[in-house]
Amino acid sequence: MRVRWGVLALASAVGAVGTVLTGCGSGADDGVPGRRLDAGEPRVTSHADYPATPLSKYELSDRDNKRKEQATSRLVQRCMRSYGFADFPLYPRPEKPQEMGETFSLTALSVSPYGMLDLEQVRRWGYGFDPDQAEFTPEPLGPEGRAVTSQEREVLNDFGRAGHARAVVDGRKVPEGGCTGEAARRLMGDEAKRMRLWGYVDERSVEIDKVVAKDARVRRVFRDWSRCVRDKGFASYESPAAAFRDEGWRKGASGGNTARTKRELGTAVADVECNRKLNVAGVWWVVSAEKERADIRRNAGRYEAVRADQERLRAGVREVLGEG
């Protein structure tokens, strides 16, 4: 299963800080008894323990995505060479913001509805992130080639469409979206199919999460979790996600990170300890699986259309990669 949630940090490098919390909250008796797991409820103490849910089979795997990118690169290269760029590399060197005349610092942080589970992570970084690992660098698909030239970029992405007619090379109009757009259509079909393939399951999961959060079982375990955190000497939050989003953690911090005050670190440790103790993520999984199965039954036709889109994509990838 591809984990839909988790801390995500995309950022330019920010200054590292070195405070480490040791043992905060771990020795206190919060007076909250641990839960006996219900039948079929998995014990979840890390994201690796989180089982696949019914929606998983309607999502592309990491392997699917990697193979799609490999096939896309081949299609783009063929297209670019057909426009006269004979030495266009299979895997061009990625552009850096500086090469595009931009400088920015971007950080996006998100957390699962059931919260964080990595105790070592929160002891050191609280609700923030390790700045040394914050810059997003995708795994290379193959040997890195040269950078794309400005002339090639016009054909690659059809930048000629910005405010005027599409780019024209040697009398030939560049396809809509450039060679990149043409490759996407070849593998995934028209825009409606692409939107369904990439967006439908995510849209449904957002709605399902709202329903799950209102379920009596989830509300009960969240109340127990909140009491557990409070009894360790920290503030009361309605849910682990609410604790993560406390705006106070980011006051005075830079680069989108948190300030990692003593209160933040202590709260984060208590949060994870109580989450594990009460198996909050396990309860969330049980209810999510139940609601997802019901949603799949109600919308069977649309989910099967997504499955058909996946199979069409996989077949196209096999063809492009010369596997059948």
Protein backbone atom coordinates (compact mmCIF):
# COMPACT_ATOMS: atom_id res chain seq x y z
CA MET A 1 0.00 0.00 0.00
CA ARG A 2 1.17 3.49 -0.78
CA VAL A 3 0.91 5.46 2.44
CA ARG A 4 -1.48 8.30 1.68
CA TRP A 5 -0.38 10.35 4.64
CA GLY A 6 2.72 11.11 6.64
CA VAL A 7 5.00 14.01 7.17
CA LEU A 8 5.99 15.48 3.85
CA ALA A 9 8.61 18.18 3.64
CA LEU A 10 9.55 19.85 0.38
CA ALA A 11 11.87 22.68 1.13
CA SER A 12 15.00 24.54 0.27
CA ALA A 13 17.70 23.97 2.84
CA VAL A 14 17.10 25.65 6.16
CA GLY A 15 19.42 25.97 9.14
CA ALA A 16 19.77 22.84 11.25
CA VAL A 17 19.12 22.92 14.96
CA GLY A 18 20.32 20.40 17.48
CA THR A 19 18.02 20.13 20.48
CA VAL A 20 17.24 16.55 21.47
CA LEU A 21 14.54 15.53 23.92
CA THR A 22 15.22 12.48 26.01
CA GLY A 23 12.60 10.76 28.05
CA CYS A 24 10.09 13.63 28.22
CA GLY A 25 6.71 12.24 29.20
CA SER A 26 7.82 8.63 28.96
CA GLY A 27 8.02 7.99 32.69
CA ALA A 28 4.74 9.60 33.73
CA ASP A 29 1.76 7.49 34.75
CA ASP A 30 -1.15 9.07 32.90
CA GLY A 31 -3.70 6.85 34.59
CA VAL A 32 -5.19 5.80 31.26
CA PRO A 33 -5.34 2.03 30.85
CA GLY A 34 -4.26 0.49 27.59
CA ARG A 35 -6.96 -0.89 25.33
CA ARG A 36 -7.75 -4.50 24.61
CA LEU A 37 -7.82 -4.82 20.85
CA ASP A 38 -11.14 -5.68 19.24
CA ALA A 39 -11.43 -8.67 16.92
CA GLY A 40 -9.69 -7.94 13.63
CA GLU A 41 -8.03 -4.78 14.93
CA PRO A 42 -4.33 -4.62 14.02
CA ARG A 43 -1.76 -3.40 16.53
CA VAL A 44 -0.19 -0.35 14.85
CA THR A 45 2.91 1.20 16.39
CA SER A 46 4.52 2.43 13.16
CA HIS A 47 3.38 3.28 9.65
CA ALA A 48 4.91 -0.01 8.52
CA ASP A 49 2.30 -1.83 10.65
CA TYR A 50 -0.61 -0.10 8.91
CA PRO A 51 -2.28 -2.76 6.74
CA ALA A 52 -3.55 -2.18 3.23
CA THR A 53 -7.10 -0.89 3.06
CA PRO A 54 -9.72 -1.72 0.40
CA LEU A 55 -8.93 1.45 -1.58
CA SER A 56 -5.35 0.29 -2.03
CA LYS A 57 -6.15 -1.86 -5.04
CA TYR A 58 -7.46 1.22 -6.83
CA GLU A 59 -4.18 3.10 -6.37
CA LEU A 60 -1.05 2.77 -8.46
CA SER A 61 1.87 1.23 -6.61
CA ASP A 62 5.31 2.79 -6.33
CA ARG A 63 6.47 0.28 -8.95
CA ASP A 64 3.64 1.32 -11.28
CA ASN A 65 4.62 4.95 -10.93
CA LYS A 66 8.29 4.29 -11.56
CA ARG A 67 7.56 2.26 -14.67
CA LYS A 68 5.17 4.93 -15.92
CA GLU A 69 7.91 7.54 -15.58
CA GLN A 70 10.34 5.31 -17.46
CA ALA A 71 7.84 4.83 -20.29
CA THR A 72 7.03 8.55 -20.32
CA SER A 73 10.73 9.37 -20.70
CA ARG A 74 10.99 7.11 -23.75
CA LEU A 75 7.91 8.60 -25.38
CA VAL A 76 9.09 12.14 -24.73
CA GLN A 77 12.53 11.38 -26.15
CA ARG A 78 11.00 9.91 -29.32
CA CYS A 79 8.75 12.93 -29.72
CA MET A 80 11.56 15.42 -29.17
CA ARG A 81 13.78 13.65 -31.68
CA SER A 82 10.95 13.76 -34.22
CA TYR A 83 11.13 17.56 -33.93
CA GLY A 84 14.80 17.56 -34.78
CA PHE A 85 16.40 17.37 -31.36
CA ALA A 86 18.42 14.28 -32.20
CA ASP A 87 20.49 14.23 -29.03
CA PHE A 88 17.66 14.89 -26.59
CA PRO A 89 18.55 12.84 -23.47
CA LEU A 90 16.36 10.09 -22.10
CA TYR A 91 16.66 11.53 -18.59
CA PRO A 92 17.48 15.25 -18.79
CA ARG A 93 19.17 16.88 -15.84
CA PRO A 94 16.44 18.33 -13.59
CA GLU A 95 16.21 22.08 -13.54
CA LYS A 96 17.02 23.82 -10.29
CA PRO A 97 15.10 26.90 -9.21
CA GLN A 98 18.22 29.04 -9.72
CA GLU A 99 18.36 27.98 -13.38
CA MET A 100 14.84 29.33 -13.83
CA GLY A 101 15.72 32.62 -12.16
CA GLU A 102 13.69 31.84 -9.03
CA THR A 103 14.56 31.49 -5.41
CA PHE A 104 12.04 30.20 -2.97
CA SER A 105 11.50 28.26 0.21
CA LEU A 106 8.56 25.91 0.13
CA THR A 107 7.51 23.60 2.88
CA ALA A 108 4.39 21.46 2.92
CA LEU A 109 3.58 19.56 6.07
CA SER A 110 0.79 17.05 6.45
CA VAL A 111 -0.03 14.29 8.88
CA SER A 112 -2.34 11.30 8.88
CA PRO A 113 -5.74 11.75 10.58
CA TYR A 114 -4.61 9.33 13.29
CA GLY A 115 -1.38 11.23 13.95
CA MET A 116 2.31 10.47 14.16
CA LEU A 117 3.83 7.17 15.30
CA ASP A 118 7.61 7.59 15.16
CA LEU A 119 8.76 8.17 18.75
CA GLU A 120 12.40 8.81 17.85
CA GLN A 121 11.38 11.31 15.21
CA VAL A 122 9.23 13.36 17.59
CA ARG A 123 11.78 13.22 20.40
CA ARG A 124 14.20 15.06 18.17
CA TRP A 125 12.01 17.08 15.82
CA GLY A 126 8.66 17.41 17.56
CA TYR A 127 6.01 18.30 15.00
CA GLY A 128 8.64 19.59 12.57
CA PHE A 129 11.15 17.95 10.27
CA ASP A 130 14.85 17.35 9.86
CA PRO A 131 16.00 20.22 7.62
CA ASP A 132 18.91 18.14 6.31
CA GLN A 133 16.37 15.77 4.76
CA ALA A 134 13.84 18.38 3.74
CA GLU A 135 14.83 18.92 0.13
CA PHE A 136 12.85 16.62 -2.12
CA THR A 137 15.03 14.74 -4.57
CA PRO A 138 13.22 12.04 -6.55
CA GLU A 139 15.03 8.78 -7.15
CA PRO A 140 16.74 8.93 -10.57
CA LEU A 141 15.25 6.68 -13.23
CA GLY A 142 18.55 6.28 -15.02
CA PRO A 143 21.82 8.02 -15.93
CA GLU A 144 21.33 11.78 -15.83
CA GLY A 145 21.74 13.54 -19.13
CA ARG A 146 22.34 17.17 -19.99
CA ALA A 147 19.99 20.03 -19.17
CA VAL A 148 17.14 20.99 -21.50
CA THR A 149 17.81 24.03 -23.68
CA SER A 150 15.37 26.94 -23.91
CA GLN A 151 14.49 25.97 -27.49
CA GLU A 152 13.82 22.37 -26.46
CA ARG A 153 11.72 23.51 -23.52
CA GLU A 154 9.30 25.20 -25.90
CA VAL A 155 8.61 21.87 -27.55
CA LEU A 156 8.90 19.76 -24.42
CA ASN A 157 6.13 21.58 -22.55
CA ASP A 158 4.53 23.68 -25.31
CA PHE A 159 5.41 26.95 -23.61
CA GLY A 160 4.39 28.57 -26.88
CA ARG A 161 0.79 28.39 -25.65
CA ALA A 162 1.36 31.03 -22.99
CA GLY A 163 -0.70 33.90 -24.39
CA HIS A 164 -0.36 32.98 -28.06
CA ALA A 165 -0.58 30.13 -30.52
CA ARG A 166 1.18 26.87 -29.92
CA ALA A 167 4.85 26.63 -30.81
CA VAL A 168 5.69 25.70 -34.40
CA VAL A 169 8.89 23.88 -35.37
CA ASP A 170 9.80 23.45 -39.02
CA GLY A 171 6.18 24.02 -39.99
CA ARG A 172 4.85 21.49 -37.51
CA LYS A 173 2.71 22.56 -34.60
CA VAL A 174 3.85 21.25 -31.27
CA PRO A 175 1.18 18.99 -29.72
CA GLU A 176 -0.95 20.43 -26.97
CA GLY A 177 1.09 20.29 -23.79
CA GLY A 178 4.21 19.61 -25.81
CA CYS A 179 5.88 16.23 -26.02
CA THR A 180 5.16 15.80 -22.30
CA GLY A 181 1.43 16.21 -22.88
CA GLU A 182 1.48 13.87 -25.85
CA ALA A 183 3.20 11.16 -23.79
CA ALA A 184 0.60 11.54 -21.03
CA ARG A 185 -2.26 11.11 -23.50
CA ARG A 186 -0.60 8.08 -25.07
CA LEU A 187 -0.28 6.30 -21.71
CA MET A 188 -3.31 7.54 -19.79
CA GLY A 189 -5.86 8.70 -22.33
CA ASP A 190 -7.73 12.00 -22.46
CA GLU A 191 -7.97 14.51 -19.64
CA ALA A 192 -11.10 12.94 -18.18
CA LYS A 193 -9.42 9.55 -17.89
CA ARG A 194 -6.27 11.10 -16.40
CA MET A 195 -8.29 13.03 -13.85
CA ARG A 196 -10.17 9.87 -12.88
CA LEU A 197 -7.01 7.79 -12.62
CA TRP A 198 -5.16 10.31 -10.44
CA GLY A 199 -7.99 12.06 -8.66
CA TYR A 200 -11.00 9.84 -8.02
CA VAL A 201 -9.61 7.67 -5.23
CA ASP A 202 -7.98 10.64 -3.51
CA GLU A 203 -11.25 12.57 -3.67
CA ARG A 204 -13.19 9.66 -2.21
CA SER A 205 -10.59 9.09 0.52
CA VAL A 206 -10.97 12.70 1.68
CA GLU A 207 -14.74 12.25 1.99
CA ILE A 208 -14.36 8.86 3.67
CA ASP A 209 -11.92 10.32 6.19
CA LYS A 210 -14.57 12.85 7.21
CA VAL A 211 -17.05 10.05 7.83
CA VAL A 212 -14.47 7.98 9.72
CA ALA A 213 -13.67 10.92 12.01
CA LYS A 214 -17.34 11.12 13.04
CA ASP A 215 -17.62 7.42 13.86
CA ALA A 216 -18.34 6.73 17.54
CA ARG A 217 -15.39 4.32 17.83
CA VAL A 218 -12.95 6.89 16.51
CA ARG A 219 -14.42 9.71 18.60
CA ARG A 220 -14.11 7.52 21.69
CA VAL A 221 -10.46 6.63 21.11
CA PHE A 222 -9.67 10.27 20.32
CA ARG A 223 -11.24 11.29 23.65
CA ASP A 224 -9.14 8.69 25.46
CA TRP A 225 -6.05 9.85 23.61
CA SER A 226 -6.77 13.49 24.51
CA ARG A 227 -7.17 12.59 28.18
CA CYS A 228 -3.94 10.60 28.07
CA VAL A 229 -1.99 13.57 26.64
CA ARG A 230 -3.61 15.96 29.12
CA ASP A 231 -2.81 13.71 32.06
CA LYS A 232 0.83 13.77 31.02
CA GLY A 233 0.75 17.50 31.66
CA PHE A 234 0.06 18.92 28.21
CA ALA A 235 -2.81 20.71 26.46
CA SER A 236 -6.02 19.00 25.45
CA TYR A 237 -6.59 18.47 21.72
CA GLU A 238 -9.54 16.94 19.96
CA SER A 239 -7.37 14.68 17.80
CA PRO A 240 -3.73 13.87 16.99
CA ALA A 241 -4.05 15.84 13.74
CA ALA A 242 -5.22 18.88 15.72
CA ALA A 243 -2.15 18.64 17.95
CA PHE A 244 0.09 18.52 14.88
CA ARG A 245 -1.57 21.61 13.40
CA ASP A 246 -1.21 23.78 16.53
CA GLU A 247 -0.02 27.09 15.06
CA GLY A 248 1.99 27.78 18.19
CA TRP A 249 4.61 25.24 17.16
CA ARG A 250 5.68 27.35 14.17
CA LYS A 251 5.88 30.74 15.88
CA GLY A 252 9.40 32.09 15.67
CA ALA A 253 10.57 29.27 13.40
CA SER A 254 11.93 29.66 9.87
CA GLY A 255 11.58 27.77 6.60
CA GLY A 256 8.19 26.36 7.56
CA ASN A 257 9.68 24.26 10.36
CA THR A 258 8.65 24.31 14.01
CA ALA A 259 10.40 26.07 16.87
CA ARG A 260 10.83 22.82 18.84
CA THR A 261 10.19 24.38 22.21
CA LYS A 262 10.19 22.22 25.31
CA ARG A 263 6.38 22.26 25.27
CA GLU A 264 6.22 21.21 21.61
CA LEU A 265 8.65 18.34 22.08
CA GLY A 266 6.95 17.18 25.25
CA THR A 267 3.52 17.30 23.64
CA ALA A 268 4.71 15.40 20.57
CA VAL A 269 6.26 12.63 22.69
CA ALA A 270 3.12 12.33 24.86
CA ASP A 271 1.03 12.33 21.67
CA VAL A 272 2.89 9.37 20.16
CA GLU A 273 3.09 7.44 23.44
CA CYS A 274 -0.66 7.77 23.96
CA ASN A 275 -1.32 6.96 20.30
CA ARG A 276 0.60 3.71 20.60
CA LYS A 277 -0.82 2.85 24.01
CA LEU A 278 -4.42 3.21 22.86
CA ASN A 279 -3.78 1.87 19.35
CA VAL A 280 -5.42 4.91 17.80
CA ALA A 281 -4.14 4.06 14.31
CA GLY A 282 -5.51 0.52 14.62
CA VAL A 283 -8.98 1.82 15.42
CA TRP A 284 -8.76 4.26 12.52
CA TRP A 285 -7.81 1.38 10.21
CA VAL A 286 -10.78 -0.78 11.28
CA VAL A 287 -13.29 2.00 10.72
CA SER A 288 -11.61 3.16 7.49
CA ALA A 289 -11.68 -0.34 6.01
CA GLU A 290 -15.36 -0.65 6.85
CA LYS A 291 -16.28 2.71 5.32
CA GLU A 292 -14.11 2.14 2.25
CA ARG A 293 -15.77 -1.20 1.50
CA ALA A 294 -19.18 0.48 1.74
CA ASP A 295 -18.06 3.29 -0.57
CA ILE A 296 -16.73 0.82 -3.12
CA ARG A 297 -20.09 -0.99 -3.11
CA ARG A 298 -22.02 2.25 -3.60
CA ASN A 299 -19.76 3.47 -6.41
CA ALA A 300 -18.77 0.15 -7.97
CA GLY A 301 -18.97 1.39 -11.55
CA ARG A 302 -16.66 4.34 -10.97
CA TYR A 303 -14.12 2.29 -9.06
CA GLU A 304 -14.09 -0.32 -11.80
CA ALA A 305 -13.50 2.45 -14.32
CA VAL A 306 -10.41 3.42 -12.31
CA ARG A 307 -9.26 -0.20 -12.40
CA ALA A 308 -9.72 -0.20 -16.18
CA ASP A 309 -7.67 2.99 -16.41
CA GLN A 310 -4.92 1.32 -14.39
CA GLU A 311 -4.86 -1.72 -16.65
CA ARG A 312 -4.80 0.50 -19.74
CA LEU A 313 -1.85 2.39 -18.31
CA ARG A 314 0.02 -0.80 -17.41
CA ALA A 315 -0.57 -2.23 -20.88
CA GLY A 316 0.71 0.96 -22.47
CA VAL A 317 3.79 0.95 -20.27
CA ARG A 318 4.55 -2.67 -21.20
CA GLU A 319 4.26 -1.79 -24.88
CA VAL A 320 6.53 1.24 -24.65
CA LEU A 321 9.09 -0.64 -22.59
CA GLY A 322 9.07 -3.45 -25.17
CA GLU A 323 7.60 -6.11 -22.91
CA GLY A 324 4.72 -7.22 -25.03
